[in-house]
Amino acid sequence: MTASLVQWKKDASEAMGIIDSWNNISNNFATTTEKLAKGQSRAGATARAMGLEYDQLNAIIGTV
């Protein structure tokens, strides 16, 4: 969670939005919130530097 907030330069007030996003994806696709969190922590900074949006990276992680 903290890694996502820092890497995407989000405020702590946006933490629930991150959790909601992970939960929504894990409810609808064959992944877990834990896998999404790990993927974001590993790839978030690189994805942001490449011009991807937070939700785009979530979609990629959820698909892979």
C-alpha atoms as a PDB file:
ATOM      1  CA  MET A   1       0.000   0.000   0.000  1.00  0.00           C
ATOM      2  CA  THR A   2       2.685   2.458   1.026  1.00  0.00           C
ATOM      3  CA  ALA A   3       4.735   1.652  -2.081  1.00  0.00           C
ATOM      4  CA  SER A   4       1.761   2.410  -4.320  1.00  0.00           C
ATOM      5  CA  LEU A   5       1.077   5.699  -2.590  1.00  0.00           C
ATOM      6  CA  VAL A   6       4.700   6.790  -2.916  1.00  0.00           C
ATOM      7  CA  GLN A   7       5.335   5.535  -6.452  1.00  0.00           C
ATOM      8  CA  TRP A   8       2.171   7.060  -7.876  1.00  0.00           C
ATOM      9  CA  LYS A   9       2.512  10.230  -5.758  1.00  0.00           C
ATOM     10  CA  LYS A  10      -0.899   9.816  -4.161  1.00  0.00           C
ATOM     11  CA  ASP A  11      -2.075  11.238  -0.846  1.00  0.00           C
ATOM     12  CA  ALA A  12      -2.907   8.988   2.085  1.00  0.00           C
ATOM     13  CA  SER A  13      -6.532  10.011   1.603  1.00  0.00           C
ATOM     14  CA  GLU A  14      -6.500   8.032  -1.666  1.00  0.00           C
ATOM     15  CA  ALA A  15      -5.553   4.753   0.055  1.00  0.00           C
ATOM     16  CA  MET A  16      -9.139   3.476   0.137  1.00  0.00           C
ATOM     17  CA  GLY A  17      -9.416   4.072  -3.607  1.00  0.00           C
ATOM     18  CA  ILE A  18      -6.369   1.883  -4.145  1.00  0.00           C
ATOM     19  CA  ILE A  19      -7.786  -0.875  -1.970  1.00  0.00           C
ATOM     20  CA  ASP A  20     -11.164  -0.609  -3.699  1.00  0.00           C
ATOM     21  CA  SER A  21      -9.488  -0.915  -7.084  1.00  0.00           C
ATOM     22  CA  TRP A  22      -7.533  -4.020  -6.052  1.00  0.00           C
ATOM     23  CA  ASN A  23     -10.628  -5.554  -4.481  1.00  0.00           C
ATOM     24  CA  ASN A  24     -12.736  -4.916  -7.579  1.00  0.00           C
ATOM     25  CA  ILE A  25     -10.165  -6.544  -9.855  1.00  0.00           C
ATOM     26  CA  SER A  26      -9.678  -9.525  -7.537  1.00  0.00           C
ATOM     27  CA  ASN A  27     -13.452 -10.052  -7.350  1.00  0.00           C
ATOM     28  CA  ASN A  28     -13.823 -10.138 -11.129  1.00  0.00           C
ATOM     29  CA  PHE A  29     -10.621 -11.787 -12.323  1.00  0.00           C
ATOM     30  CA  ALA A  30      -8.396 -14.691 -11.326  1.00  0.00           C
ATOM     31  CA  THR A  31      -6.015 -12.750  -9.096  1.00  0.00           C
ATOM     32  CA  THR A  32      -5.756 -11.570  -5.507  1.00  0.00           C
ATOM     33  CA  THR A  33      -5.278  -8.217  -3.853  1.00  0.00           C
ATOM     34  CA  GLU A  34      -1.948  -9.513  -2.547  1.00  0.00           C
ATOM     35  CA  LYS A  35      -0.691 -10.202  -6.080  1.00  0.00           C
ATOM     36  CA  LEU A  36      -1.853  -6.784  -7.254  1.00  0.00           C
ATOM     37  CA  ALA A  37      -0.113  -5.094  -4.325  1.00  0.00           C
ATOM     38  CA  LYS A  38       3.131  -6.984  -4.962  1.00  0.00           C
ATOM     39  CA  GLY A  39       2.982  -6.203  -8.664  1.00  0.00           C
ATOM     40  CA  GLN A  40       2.397  -2.515  -7.994  1.00  0.00           C
ATOM     41  CA  SER A  41       5.274  -2.377  -5.519  1.00  0.00           C
ATOM     42  CA  ARG A  42       7.650  -3.983  -8.022  1.00  0.00           C
ATOM     43  CA  ALA A  43       6.565  -2.261 -11.225  1.00  0.00           C
ATOM     44  CA  GLY A  44       4.828   0.950 -10.174  1.00  0.00           C
ATOM     45  CA  ALA A  45       7.724   3.367 -10.512  1.00  0.00           C
ATOM     46  CA  THR A  46       8.808   1.931 -13.855  1.00  0.00           C
ATOM     47  CA  ALA A  47       5.269   1.974 -15.230  1.00  0.00           C
ATOM     48  CA  ARG A  48       4.791   5.574 -14.135  1.00  0.00           C
ATOM     49  CA  ALA A  49       8.083   6.566 -15.772  1.00  0.00           C
ATOM     50  CA  MET A  50       6.861   4.895 -18.991  1.00  0.00           C
ATOM     51  CA  GLY A  51       3.701   7.013 -18.919  1.00  0.00           C
ATOM     52  CA  LEU A  52       1.225   4.369 -17.783  1.00  0.00           C
ATOM     53  CA  GLU A  53      -1.626   5.232 -15.447  1.00  0.00           C
ATOM     54  CA  TYR A  54      -2.248   3.454 -12.149  1.00  0.00           C
ATOM     55  CA  ASP A  55      -5.340   1.652 -13.452  1.00  0.00           C
ATOM     56  CA  GLN A  56      -3.542   0.559 -16.608  1.00  0.00           C
ATOM     57  CA  LEU A  57      -0.862  -1.159 -14.536  1.00  0.00           C
ATOM     58  CA  ASN A  58      -3.546  -2.822 -12.411  1.00  0.00           C
ATOM     59  CA  ALA A  59      -5.102  -4.187 -15.601  1.00  0.00           C
ATOM     60  CA  ILE A  60      -1.751  -5.515 -16.788  1.00  0.00           C
ATOM     61  CA  ILE A  61      -0.981  -7.156 -13.458  1.00  0.00           C
ATOM     62  CA  GLY A  62      -4.473  -8.636 -13.237  1.00  0.00           C
ATOM     63  CA  THR A  63      -4.161 -10.077 -16.717  1.00  0.00           C
ATOM     64  CA  VAL A  64      -0.723 -11.563 -16.229  1.00  0.00           C
END
